[in-house]
């Protein structure tokens, strides 16, 4: 269905279910939400969380045509087809819980990344290469590891690519670890083992323009490089009478080292939610109210497309003009106090 107020598409859960999972609705509630988005030819790839009546967390993937309609028969049960590396040791939930997929293309290769929720002794993030034709996994998932101390809960690393200095045509593969401070990590997709990330840049800055009542900025969609600037559609969380409320925002950083932030949000970004705080089923998390959670973004030459979840129940894509997105931002003053370093690993 569409939301005329914000020029968006909200997908019916049933059309996102692959054949192997189409029996779910007859057995109980089925939720599809938090979709990642990636351009593929004239259309798109969409990957999303599925929570079926058994409570298991799965990921499905399908194709969309140029009009953002699900291509009939394209949906696949991705997590049924994932095979973890024999002998690898991960926490038990690390191989059973699949959440919040993001889609990427590095050097012409397609990848999907997900996390394993919140569990002891640590959660996991995995990167899996996909066959762009069949949408089947290639090889095994590779865990994302951080050199040095990491947070106990890791969910929102934001990947991007940047030109390698002094090496024409070569690109570095990087990730934003946190927005404040703005910590940037570097990694390599070569090989087939787990992937070690190293910090290569850090900018200390304060979020002065965004009302504190909305909460701090956390990661979201993969960074989109446009006009020498990386655009990140992220999220923040704050308490409300209906429970924790997730809202979308956008900020920008330079695509050149040390990748310092260049624009900060003044207010949340309005993405489609025709439901408000209403839900079709019981809340997956009783402490959470309205949820707008961006997991994918693209610039189509005329508008921004942001794929996002709604209330842990639905997948949506909102289309926004450049002017609407830019109206939520203000430049970060060039005389602002920043401490920046670029140690190369």
Protein backbone atom coordinates (compact mmCIF):
# COMPACT_ATOMS: atom_id res chain seq x y z
CA UNK A 1 0.00 0.00 0.00
CA UNK A 2 1.06 3.63 -0.33
CA UNK A 3 1.12 6.57 2.07
CA UNK A 4 0.10 9.60 0.03
CA UNK A 5 1.33 12.07 2.66
CA UNK A 6 5.00 11.14 2.28
CA UNK A 7 5.18 9.47 -1.16
CA UNK A 8 6.03 6.04 0.12
CA UNK A 9 5.34 2.33 -0.22
CA UNK A 10 4.43 0.08 2.72
CA UNK A 11 4.80 -3.57 1.77
CA UNK A 12 2.26 -6.27 2.62
CA UNK A 13 4.08 -8.89 4.66
CA UNK A 14 2.60 -11.76 2.63
CA UNK A 15 4.23 -10.59 -0.60
CA UNK A 16 7.67 -10.68 1.04
CA UNK A 17 7.42 -14.30 2.16
CA UNK A 18 9.31 -16.90 0.13
CA UNK A 19 7.54 -20.12 -0.78
CA UNK A 20 9.15 -22.00 2.12
CA UNK A 21 7.64 -19.58 4.64
CA UNK A 22 4.20 -18.96 3.15
CA UNK A 23 2.57 -21.27 5.68
CA UNK A 24 3.51 -18.91 8.53
CA UNK A 25 0.38 -16.66 8.44
CA UNK A 26 -1.91 -19.64 8.94
CA UNK A 27 -0.02 -20.52 12.13
CA UNK A 28 0.13 -17.13 13.83
CA UNK A 29 1.48 -13.56 13.61
CA UNK A 30 4.14 -12.80 11.00
CA UNK A 31 6.11 -9.57 10.98
CA UNK A 32 8.46 -8.29 8.24
CA UNK A 33 10.44 -5.14 9.04
CA UNK A 34 13.77 -3.25 9.02
CA UNK A 35 14.60 -3.67 5.30
CA UNK A 36 17.95 -3.01 3.65
CA UNK A 37 17.96 -1.68 0.07
CA UNK A 38 20.43 -1.94 -2.81
CA UNK A 39 20.14 -0.96 -6.46
CA UNK A 40 20.52 -3.94 -8.81
CA UNK A 41 20.26 -3.26 -12.55
CA UNK A 42 17.02 -1.44 -13.33
CA UNK A 43 15.48 -2.59 -10.05
CA UNK A 44 16.42 -3.20 -6.44
CA UNK A 45 17.24 -5.82 -3.84
CA UNK A 46 15.35 -5.72 -0.55
CA UNK A 47 16.43 -7.75 2.52
CA UNK A 48 14.36 -7.76 5.70
CA UNK A 49 13.75 -9.34 9.10
CA UNK A 50 11.00 -11.93 9.38
CA UNK A 51 9.61 -12.92 12.78
CA UNK A 52 7.27 -15.87 12.37
CA UNK A 53 4.80 -17.48 14.76
CA UNK A 54 7.59 -19.59 16.29
CA UNK A 55 9.42 -16.40 17.36
CA UNK A 56 12.57 -17.25 15.40
CA UNK A 57 14.37 -14.31 13.76
CA UNK A 58 15.02 -14.87 10.07
CA UNK A 59 16.08 -12.81 7.04
CA UNK A 60 14.35 -12.90 3.68
CA UNK A 61 15.45 -11.22 0.46
CA UNK A 62 13.62 -10.37 -2.76
CA UNK A 63 13.83 -8.26 -5.88
CA UNK A 64 11.88 -5.08 -6.56
CA UNK A 65 11.20 -3.67 -10.02
CA UNK A 66 11.85 -0.04 -10.95
CA UNK A 67 8.44 0.91 -9.52
CA UNK A 68 9.33 -0.68 -6.15
CA UNK A 69 6.97 -3.62 -6.65
CA UNK A 70 8.00 -7.07 -5.43
CA UNK A 71 9.02 -9.23 -8.39
CA UNK A 72 6.80 -12.32 -8.27
CA UNK A 73 8.64 -15.46 -7.23
CA UNK A 74 11.87 -13.63 -6.32
CA UNK A 75 11.68 -13.92 -2.52
CA UNK A 76 14.20 -16.32 -0.96
CA UNK A 77 14.53 -17.70 2.62
CA UNK A 78 18.08 -16.42 2.98
CA UNK A 79 18.77 -17.64 6.48
CA UNK A 80 17.63 -21.18 5.61
CA UNK A 81 20.50 -21.20 3.13
CA UNK A 82 23.28 -19.73 5.31
CA UNK A 83 26.00 -22.20 6.35
CA UNK A 84 28.38 -21.17 9.14
CA UNK A 85 32.02 -22.15 8.85
CA UNK A 86 32.64 -25.68 10.23
CA UNK A 87 34.63 -25.57 13.45
CA UNK A 88 34.07 -21.84 14.06
CA UNK A 89 33.06 -21.02 17.64
CA UNK A 90 30.33 -18.44 18.09
CA UNK A 91 27.88 -17.86 20.96
CA UNK A 92 24.88 -20.17 20.55
CA UNK A 93 22.49 -17.33 19.70
CA UNK A 94 25.02 -15.98 17.21
CA UNK A 95 23.99 -18.63 14.68
CA UNK A 96 20.25 -18.61 15.43
CA UNK A 97 19.17 -14.97 15.58
CA UNK A 98 19.26 -12.87 12.39
CA UNK A 99 18.42 -9.18 12.67
CA UNK A 100 18.43 -5.87 10.78
CA UNK A 101 20.06 -6.71 7.42
CA UNK A 102 21.98 -4.12 5.43
CA UNK A 103 22.97 -4.60 1.78
CA UNK A 104 26.25 -3.45 0.20
CA UNK A 105 28.18 -3.55 -3.04
CA UNK A 106 31.98 -3.53 -2.78
CA UNK A 107 34.06 -3.76 -5.97
CA UNK A 108 31.06 -5.12 -7.87
CA UNK A 109 30.34 -7.83 -5.27
CA UNK A 110 27.09 -7.96 -3.27
CA UNK A 111 27.14 -8.45 0.50
CA UNK A 112 24.63 -8.59 3.32
CA UNK A 113 25.39 -7.81 6.96
CA UNK A 114 23.31 -8.69 10.03
CA UNK A 115 23.59 -8.89 13.82
CA UNK A 116 22.55 -11.58 16.30
CA UNK A 117 20.52 -9.45 18.70
CA UNK A 118 21.42 -9.00 22.35
CA UNK A 119 22.80 -11.97 24.25
CA UNK A 120 25.62 -13.17 26.46
CA UNK A 121 28.58 -13.11 26.44
CA UNK A 122 28.54 -10.83 23.36
CA UNK A 123 26.48 -10.44 20.25
CA UNK A 124 27.86 -10.98 16.74
CA UNK A 125 27.81 -9.17 13.42
CA UNK A 126 28.32 -11.13 10.20
CA UNK A 127 29.14 -10.23 6.60
CA UNK A 128 27.97 -12.67 3.92
CA UNK A 129 28.66 -12.45 0.20
CA UNK A 130 25.70 -13.17 -2.11
CA UNK A 131 25.40 -14.36 -5.68
CA UNK A 132 23.75 -11.38 -7.35
CA UNK A 133 21.94 -13.64 -9.84
CA UNK A 134 20.55 -16.36 -7.55
CA UNK A 135 20.62 -14.40 -4.25
CA UNK A 136 22.20 -17.48 -2.68
CA UNK A 137 25.03 -17.18 -0.11
CA UNK A 138 28.59 -17.54 -1.39
CA UNK A 139 30.87 -19.18 1.15
CA UNK A 140 30.33 -18.77 4.88
CA UNK A 141 29.34 -15.76 7.01
CA UNK A 142 32.37 -13.87 8.35
CA UNK A 143 32.20 -12.36 11.83
CA UNK A 144 33.17 -8.69 12.21
CA UNK A 145 35.81 -8.26 14.91
CA UNK A 146 37.32 -5.07 16.33
CA UNK A 147 41.01 -4.68 17.15
CA UNK A 148 41.02 -3.36 20.72
CA UNK A 149 38.15 -2.85 23.12
CA UNK A 150 34.61 -3.13 21.75
CA UNK A 151 31.18 -2.46 23.16
CA UNK A 152 29.30 -5.45 24.50
CA UNK A 153 26.45 -4.77 22.08
CA UNK A 154 27.36 -4.11 18.42
CA UNK A 155 24.61 -3.46 15.88
CA UNK A 156 25.03 -0.33 13.81
CA UNK A 157 28.39 -0.13 12.08
CA UNK A 158 27.93 1.92 8.90
CA UNK A 159 30.02 0.72 5.92
CA UNK A 160 31.26 2.88 3.04
CA UNK A 161 34.07 3.11 0.49
CA UNK A 162 36.52 5.92 -0.17
CA UNK A 163 39.31 6.51 -2.67
CA UNK A 164 42.72 5.24 -1.58
CA UNK A 165 45.31 8.02 -1.48
CA UNK A 166 47.98 7.74 -4.18
CA UNK A 167 46.44 4.65 -5.78
CA UNK A 168 44.26 5.61 -8.74
CA UNK A 169 41.07 3.61 -8.93
CA UNK A 170 41.68 1.75 -5.67
CA UNK A 171 39.14 2.05 -2.87
CA UNK A 172 39.35 1.62 0.88
CA UNK A 173 36.54 -0.26 2.63
CA UNK A 174 35.57 1.53 5.84
CA UNK A 175 32.94 1.65 8.55
CA UNK A 176 31.67 4.29 10.96
CA UNK A 177 31.85 2.66 14.40
CA UNK A 178 30.17 5.49 16.31
CA UNK A 179 28.83 8.90 15.33
CA UNK A 180 29.89 10.79 18.48
CA UNK A 181 32.83 10.58 18.66
CA UNK A 182 33.04 9.96 14.91
CA UNK A 183 35.18 6.81 14.83
CA UNK A 184 36.06 5.32 11.45
CA UNK A 185 37.36 1.77 10.99
CA UNK A 186 39.08 0.13 8.02
CA UNK A 187 38.81 -3.52 6.95
CA UNK A 188 39.36 -5.84 4.00
CA UNK A 189 36.84 -8.07 2.26
CA UNK A 190 39.59 -10.32 0.89
CA UNK A 191 39.92 -13.87 2.21
CA UNK A 192 37.27 -16.10 3.74
CA UNK A 193 37.86 -15.92 7.51
CA UNK A 194 36.50 -13.54 10.11
CA UNK A 195 37.22 -9.86 9.45
CA UNK A 196 39.33 -7.66 11.73
CA UNK A 197 38.57 -3.92 11.80
CA UNK A 198 41.10 -1.25 12.85
CA UNK A 199 40.37 2.36 13.80
CA UNK A 200 41.91 4.79 11.30
CA UNK A 201 40.25 8.13 12.11
CA UNK A 202 38.47 9.84 15.00
CA UNK A 203 36.74 13.22 15.28
CA UNK A 204 35.64 14.58 18.64
CA UNK A 205 32.59 16.76 18.20
CA UNK A 206 29.37 17.75 19.97
CA UNK A 207 25.85 17.40 18.63
CA UNK A 208 24.77 21.00 19.19
CA UNK A 209 21.83 21.35 16.82
CA UNK A 210 19.77 18.26 17.55
CA UNK A 211 17.37 18.57 20.53
CA UNK A 212 18.63 16.40 23.38
CA UNK A 213 15.10 15.14 24.00
CA UNK A 214 15.40 12.97 20.86
CA UNK A 215 18.43 11.09 22.18
CA UNK A 216 21.86 10.66 20.61
CA UNK A 217 22.53 9.55 17.06
CA UNK A 218 23.03 5.86 16.28
CA UNK A 219 23.84 4.12 13.00
CA UNK A 220 21.31 3.12 10.38
CA UNK A 221 21.50 2.84 6.60
CA UNK A 222 24.82 2.38 4.77
CA UNK A 223 26.47 5.68 3.92
CA UNK A 224 25.66 7.06 0.45
CA UNK A 225 28.42 9.04 -1.28
CA UNK A 226 27.04 12.06 -3.15
CA UNK A 227 29.00 15.11 -4.32
CA UNK A 228 32.02 14.25 -2.20
CA UNK A 229 29.95 13.91 0.95
CA UNK A 230 28.76 10.78 2.77
CA UNK A 231 25.09 10.90 3.77
CA UNK A 232 23.99 8.68 6.64
CA UNK A 233 20.32 8.11 7.43
CA UNK A 234 20.54 7.07 11.06
CA UNK A 235 18.26 6.89 14.10
CA UNK A 236 17.88 8.11 17.66
CA UNK A 237 15.92 6.74 20.61
CA UNK A 238 14.13 8.54 23.42
CA UNK A 239 11.57 7.77 26.09
CA UNK A 240 7.92 8.66 25.55
CA UNK A 241 4.58 7.92 27.28
CA UNK A 242 4.09 5.00 24.85
CA UNK A 243 7.57 3.54 25.42
CA UNK A 244 10.92 4.06 23.71
CA UNK A 245 10.43 5.93 20.44
CA UNK A 246 12.77 5.43 17.49
CA UNK A 247 13.04 8.32 15.02
CA UNK A 248 15.08 8.84 11.86
CA UNK A 249 17.65 11.57 11.24
CA UNK A 250 20.43 12.31 8.75
CA UNK A 251 23.95 13.67 9.11
CA UNK A 252 26.87 14.12 6.68
CA UNK A 253 30.61 13.60 6.82
CA UNK A 254 33.46 14.22 4.40
CA UNK A 255 34.31 11.38 2.03
CA UNK A 256 38.00 12.27 2.48
CA UNK A 257 40.21 11.51 5.51
CA UNK A 258 39.79 12.13 8.38
CA UNK A 259 36.08 11.74 7.46
CA UNK A 260 34.96 14.52 9.80
CA UNK A 261 31.24 15.36 10.13
CA UNK A 262 30.19 18.31 7.96
CA UNK A 263 26.46 18.68 8.71
CA UNK A 264 24.30 17.76 11.67
CA UNK A 265 20.54 17.36 12.10
CA UNK A 266 18.40 20.06 13.67
CA UNK A 267 15.32 17.84 13.86
CA UNK A 268 14.20 14.30 13.04
CA UNK A 269 13.54 13.28 9.46
CA UNK A 270 9.93 12.52 8.66
CA UNK A 271 9.57 9.05 7.16
CA UNK A 272 6.29 7.31 6.43
CA UNK A 273 4.29 5.80 9.25
CA UNK A 274 0.56 5.49 8.49
CA UNK A 275 0.08 3.51 11.73
CA UNK A 276 1.37 5.90 14.40
CA UNK A 277 1.88 3.79 17.52
CA UNK A 278 -0.85 1.30 16.52
CA UNK A 279 0.15 -2.31 15.99
CA UNK A 280 -1.46 -5.25 14.27
CA UNK A 281 -0.01 -7.72 16.79
CA UNK A 282 1.33 -7.59 20.35
CA UNK A 283 4.60 -5.68 20.67
CA UNK A 284 7.72 -7.76 20.18
CA UNK A 285 9.30 -5.58 22.88
CA UNK A 286 6.75 -4.25 25.40
CA UNK A 287 9.07 -1.35 26.28
CA UNK A 288 9.09 0.03 22.72
CA UNK A 289 6.51 2.40 21.26
CA UNK A 290 6.62 3.91 17.77
CA UNK A 291 9.57 2.69 15.70
CA UNK A 292 10.97 4.22 12.50
CA UNK A 293 14.22 2.39 11.79
CA UNK A 294 16.20 3.16 8.58
CA UNK A 295 18.31 0.30 7.16
CA UNK A 296 18.84 1.34 3.52
CA UNK A 297 19.19 4.48 1.41
CA UNK A 298 19.87 5.46 -2.19
CA UNK A 299 19.92 8.60 -4.33
CA UNK A 300 18.15 7.94 -7.64
CA UNK A 301 19.26 11.20 -9.27
CA UNK A 302 16.11 13.07 -8.30
CA UNK A 303 15.04 11.85 -4.85
CA UNK A 304 16.22 10.00 -1.81
CA UNK A 305 14.84 6.51 -1.24
CA UNK A 306 15.05 5.38 2.40
CA UNK A 307 14.02 1.84 3.33
CA UNK A 308 12.90 1.49 6.93
CA UNK A 309 10.95 -0.56 9.39
CA UNK A 310 7.72 0.56 11.03
CA UNK A 311 6.85 -0.54 14.56
CA UNK A 312 8.68 -3.89 14.25
CA UNK A 313 5.90 -5.02 11.90
CA UNK A 314 6.20 -3.55 8.40
CA UNK A 315 8.71 -2.73 5.66
CA UNK A 316 8.49 0.62 3.90
CA UNK A 317 10.36 2.82 1.44
CA UNK A 318 9.94 6.59 1.75
CA UNK A 319 10.83 8.94 -1.11
CA UNK A 320 12.08 12.38 -0.09
CA UNK A 321 13.27 15.35 -2.11
CA UNK A 322 16.80 16.68 -1.65
CA UNK A 323 15.31 19.92 -0.32
CA UNK A 324 13.28 18.09 2.33
CA UNK A 325 16.31 16.17 3.56
CA UNK A 326 18.59 19.21 3.51
CA UNK A 327 16.03 21.29 5.42
CA UNK A 328 16.69 19.12 8.51
CA UNK A 329 20.44 19.87 8.45
CA UNK A 330 22.78 22.69 9.31
CA UNK A 331 26.49 22.87 8.46
CA UNK A 332 28.98 22.27 11.23
CA UNK A 333 30.91 25.51 11.74
CA UNK A 334 34.41 25.43 10.32
CA UNK A 335 35.71 26.99 13.54
CA UNK A 336 34.14 24.30 15.70
CA UNK A 337 36.56 22.52 18.03
CA UNK A 338 37.50 19.11 16.65
CA UNK A 339 40.30 16.78 17.58
CA UNK A 340 41.13 14.58 14.60
CA UNK A 341 43.69 11.87 14.05
CA UNK A 342 44.21 9.44 11.18
CA UNK A 343 46.33 6.52 12.39
CA UNK A 344 46.74 3.94 9.61
CA UNK A 345 46.57 0.34 10.71
